[in-house]
Amino acid sequence: MEYIYAAMILHTTEKDINEENVTKILEAAGADVDESRVKALIAALEDVDIEEAMETTAMAAAPAAAPVAAAAAEEEEEEEEEEEDEGAAAAAATAGLGALFG
């Protein structure tokens, strides 16, 4: 996957997607570079419109992300309710202790 990411970084920064640049990015990231995989990537991307591929992938990922975001929001709401309940219980306990010493 890191090979694809390297190509995407090069595309986004408007640099040439070639073996040398892909290798530099992978090495900078600390990856072990396999020259044959770099060559295969460059060959595979020759006829690909990377901008279109990125947009298509982003559109496909957006509907899949919606249920995840909804679940996270629901979980956050439940946590907030639990914190409110705990706060109310602590306040009641403190009031009860105050009555003992009042």
C-alpha atoms as a PDB file:
ATOM      1  CA  MET A   1       0.000   0.000   0.000  1.00  0.00           C
ATOM      2  CA  GLU A   2       2.888   2.332   0.748  1.00  0.00           C
ATOM      3  CA  TYR A   3       3.863   2.212  -2.935  1.00  0.00           C
ATOM      4  CA  ILE A   4       0.443   3.540  -3.925  1.00  0.00           C
ATOM      5  CA  TYR A   5       0.652   6.217  -1.242  1.00  0.00           C
ATOM      6  CA  ALA A   6       4.039   7.304  -2.584  1.00  0.00           C
ATOM      7  CA  ALA A   7       2.527   7.691  -6.064  1.00  0.00           C
ATOM      8  CA  MET A   8      -0.389   9.671  -4.626  1.00  0.00           C
ATOM      9  CA  ILE A   9       1.974  11.997  -2.760  1.00  0.00           C
ATOM     10  CA  LEU A  10       3.956  12.593  -5.925  1.00  0.00           C
ATOM     11  CA  HIS A  11       0.783  13.261  -7.885  1.00  0.00           C
ATOM     12  CA  THR A  12      -0.589  15.638  -5.247  1.00  0.00           C
ATOM     13  CA  THR A  13       2.675  17.571  -5.112  1.00  0.00           C
ATOM     14  CA  GLU A  14       2.794  17.656  -8.916  1.00  0.00           C
ATOM     15  CA  LYS A  15       6.081  15.740  -9.103  1.00  0.00           C
ATOM     16  CA  ASP A  16       6.928  13.122 -11.717  1.00  0.00           C
ATOM     17  CA  ILE A  17       5.834   9.646 -10.744  1.00  0.00           C
ATOM     18  CA  ASN A  18       8.952   7.713 -11.627  1.00  0.00           C
ATOM     19  CA  GLU A  19      11.122   5.030 -10.068  1.00  0.00           C
ATOM     20  CA  GLU A  20      13.579   7.484  -8.555  1.00  0.00           C
ATOM     21  CA  ASN A  21      10.942   9.653  -6.857  1.00  0.00           C
ATOM     22  CA  VAL A  22       8.887   6.719  -5.567  1.00  0.00           C
ATOM     23  CA  THR A  23      12.050   5.149  -4.167  1.00  0.00           C
ATOM     24  CA  LYS A  24      13.039   8.417  -2.431  1.00  0.00           C
ATOM     25  CA  ILE A  25       9.662   8.734  -0.728  1.00  0.00           C
ATOM     26  CA  LEU A  26       9.659   5.122   0.437  1.00  0.00           C
ATOM     27  CA  GLU A  27      13.203   5.379   1.762  1.00  0.00           C
ATOM     28  CA  ALA A  28      12.371   8.641   3.556  1.00  0.00           C
ATOM     29  CA  ALA A  29       9.468   6.855   5.223  1.00  0.00           C
ATOM     30  CA  GLY A  30      11.791   4.082   6.373  1.00  0.00           C
ATOM     31  CA  ALA A  31      10.300   1.385   4.137  1.00  0.00           C
ATOM     32  CA  ASP A  32      12.313  -1.445   2.643  1.00  0.00           C
ATOM     33  CA  VAL A  33      12.141  -0.704  -1.075  1.00  0.00           C
ATOM     34  CA  ASP A  34      11.658  -3.557  -3.526  1.00  0.00           C
ATOM     35  CA  GLU A  35      12.856  -2.303  -6.910  1.00  0.00           C
ATOM     36  CA  SER A  36      10.689  -4.783  -8.801  1.00  0.00           C
ATOM     37  CA  ARG A  37       7.564  -3.528  -7.014  1.00  0.00           C
ATOM     38  CA  VAL A  38       8.514   0.071  -7.826  1.00  0.00           C
ATOM     39  CA  LYS A  39       8.969  -0.852 -11.510  1.00  0.00           C
ATOM     40  CA  ALA A  40       5.652  -2.718 -11.517  1.00  0.00           C
ATOM     41  CA  LEU A  41       3.893   0.275  -9.971  1.00  0.00           C
ATOM     42  CA  ILE A  42       5.295   2.694 -12.539  1.00  0.00           C
ATOM     43  CA  ALA A  43       4.309   0.355 -15.370  1.00  0.00           C
ATOM     44  CA  ALA A  44       0.807  -0.130 -13.947  1.00  0.00           C
ATOM     45  CA  LEU A  45       0.236   3.614 -13.619  1.00  0.00           C
ATOM     46  CA  GLU A  46       1.250   4.490 -17.186  1.00  0.00           C
ATOM     47  CA  ASP A  47      -2.326   4.502 -18.520  1.00  0.00           C
ATOM     48  CA  VAL A  48      -4.093   5.516 -15.297  1.00  0.00           C
ATOM     49  CA  ASP A  49      -5.673   8.920 -14.726  1.00  0.00           C
ATOM     50  CA  ILE A  50      -4.626   9.227 -11.094  1.00  0.00           C
ATOM     51  CA  GLU A  51      -6.848  12.231 -10.394  1.00  0.00           C
ATOM     52  CA  GLU A  52      -9.910  10.315 -11.594  1.00  0.00           C
ATOM     53  CA  ALA A  53      -8.910   7.219  -9.634  1.00  0.00           C
ATOM     54  CA  MET A  54      -8.509   9.245  -6.442  1.00  0.00           C
ATOM     55  CA  GLU A  55     -11.898  10.934  -6.910  1.00  0.00           C
ATOM     56  CA  THR A  56     -13.619   7.624  -7.624  1.00  0.00           C
ATOM     57  CA  THR A  57     -12.064   6.063  -4.543  1.00  0.00           C
ATOM     58  CA  ALA A  58     -13.038   9.041  -2.374  1.00  0.00           C
ATOM     59  CA  MET A  59     -16.649   8.860  -3.566  1.00  0.00           C
ATOM     60  CA  ALA A  60     -16.782   5.130  -2.893  1.00  0.00           C
ATOM     61  CA  ALA A  61     -15.349   5.585   0.596  1.00  0.00           C
ATOM     62  CA  ALA A  62     -17.733   8.383   1.634  1.00  0.00           C
ATOM     63  CA  PRO A  63     -20.911   6.244   1.890  1.00  0.00           C
ATOM     64  CA  ALA A  64     -18.993   3.591   3.797  1.00  0.00           C
ATOM     65  CA  ALA A  65     -17.737   6.192   6.276  1.00  0.00           C
ATOM     66  CA  ALA A  66     -21.209   7.535   7.119  1.00  0.00           C
ATOM     67  CA  PRO A  67     -22.306   4.586   9.322  1.00  0.00           C
ATOM     68  CA  VAL A  68     -18.960   4.672  11.133  1.00  0.00           C
ATOM     69  CA  ALA A  69     -19.355   8.391  11.866  1.00  0.00           C
ATOM     70  CA  ALA A  70     -22.917   7.866  13.063  1.00  0.00           C
ATOM     71  CA  ALA A  71     -21.862   5.056  15.400  1.00  0.00           C
ATOM     72  CA  ALA A  72     -19.044   7.200  16.817  1.00  0.00           C
ATOM     73  CA  ALA A  73     -21.434  10.094  17.450  1.00  0.00           C
ATOM     74  CA  GLU A  74     -23.892   7.788  19.192  1.00  0.00           C
ATOM     75  CA  GLU A  75     -21.151   6.322  21.370  1.00  0.00           C
ATOM     76  CA  GLU A  76     -19.955   9.813  22.328  1.00  0.00           C
ATOM     77  CA  GLU A  77     -23.501  10.805  23.271  1.00  0.00           C
ATOM     78  CA  GLU A  78     -23.849   7.716  25.490  1.00  0.00           C
ATOM     79  CA  GLU A  79     -20.543   8.520  27.217  1.00  0.00           C
ATOM     80  CA  GLU A  80     -21.716  12.082  27.900  1.00  0.00           C
ATOM     81  CA  GLU A  81     -24.961  10.771  29.415  1.00  0.00           C
ATOM     82  CA  GLU A  82     -22.998   8.371  31.637  1.00  0.00           C
ATOM     83  CA  GLU A  83     -20.758  11.229  32.814  1.00  0.00           C
ATOM     84  CA  GLU A  84     -23.831  13.338  33.636  1.00  0.00           C
ATOM     85  CA  ASP A  85     -25.361  10.438  35.604  1.00  0.00           C
ATOM     86  CA  GLU A  86     -22.108   9.931  37.521  1.00  0.00           C
ATOM     87  CA  GLY A  87     -21.965  13.668  38.303  1.00  0.00           C
ATOM     88  CA  ALA A  88     -25.533  13.651  39.634  1.00  0.00           C
ATOM     89  CA  ALA A  89     -24.814  10.608  41.799  1.00  0.00           C
ATOM     90  CA  ALA A  90     -21.694  12.252  43.225  1.00  0.00           C
ATOM     91  CA  ALA A  91     -23.649  15.425  44.021  1.00  0.00           C
ATOM     92  CA  ALA A  92     -26.359  13.425  45.789  1.00  0.00           C
ATOM     93  CA  ALA A  93     -23.787  11.521  47.809  1.00  0.00           C
ATOM     94  CA  THR A  94     -22.059  14.752  48.833  1.00  0.00           C
ATOM     95  CA  ALA A  95     -25.381  16.272  49.903  1.00  0.00           C
ATOM     96  CA  GLY A  96     -26.116  13.180  51.983  1.00  0.00           C
ATOM     97  CA  LEU A  97     -22.753  13.392  53.729  1.00  0.00           C
ATOM     98  CA  GLY A  98     -23.364  17.073  54.432  1.00  0.00           C
ATOM     99  CA  ALA A  99     -26.578  16.179  56.265  1.00  0.00           C
ATOM    100  CA  LEU A 100     -24.658  13.891  58.586  1.00  0.00           C
ATOM    101  CA  PHE A 101     -22.350  16.667  59.690  1.00  0.00           C
ATOM    102  CA  GLY A 102     -24.855  19.531  59.604  1.00  0.00           C
END
